[in-house]
Amino acid sequence: QLGKKESVEDTAKVLGRMFDGIEFRGFKHSNVEALAKYAGVPVWNGLTDTFHPTQILADFMTIEEHVGKLNGAKLVFVGDGRNNMANSLLIGTAKMGVDFRILAPRQLHPSGDLVSLARSIAMETGAKITITDNRAEALEGADAIYTDVWVSMGEEDKFAERIALLKPYQVNAQMLAETHNPNVKFLHCLPSFHDLNTETGQKIHDQFGLDSMEVTDEVFSGEHSVVFDEAENRMHTIKAVMALTL
């Protein structure tokens, strides 16, 4: 409802009088920026169409727990390289010195401006940024593979297009094997379409004949997966953000 019958600025000022902090989880990134500008209290970005910064805190905690390091870790994001998770990981990994690779079809590579920003940060931290559609270049020696849904919010009419583009980029046992790392970990911000136990999963199966989309159930539920540790770490990292900023 933001901006429909009341400006975001006015809403921010009202909420700022009533609450000690505001979490925004919505579509337009400009809305969270306006809330932060006018509310007068801490505003936390829980997700927008452009970035998902609080999620990557949990991701980084999980990588440290299971890989043993963050600086120098080799992380691959596979799928839609323009979505909010890819954008956030691009900037976050650059700041933390990660060897970060995006494996995506060229049509879904991140914006040049964002890549340039990440690479300028990486020059200061020692991070490495690779954007490619070459599987060998992206996957070799990876410590962790990360994926997300193929269709983001507001793009529900693009399932056919994205499936055609991203089916070769599904995270499956073969992709894990191509890392040549028997201890490679799998991450996902959730929700995931890895089986037919959701309405969307069943609908995609009926329409396109797929039993899974961005990741197979074998990988999602297998020994390499740390997705539920990652989900739990959302709670711990959000508590830390609130404790730091309130």
Foldseek 3Di string as FASTA:
>chain_A
DDPPPDHLLVVLCVVLVVDQEEEDAEEDPVSQVSSCVRNPHHYHDCYYFAAHQLLVVLVQVVCCVQVVDLAAAQEEEFAQCAGHHNLNCLQVSLQRNYAYEYAFPPVRHHDPVSNVVSVVSNVVRVYHYYYYNDLLVRQAQHQEYEYEDNADPPRVVCPVVRQVRRVVRAAEPVSNVSNVDPQRAYEYSDDAFQACPDPVVVVCCVVPVDGGGNYHPCRCVHPRYPHVSSVVSSVVSVVVVVVVRD
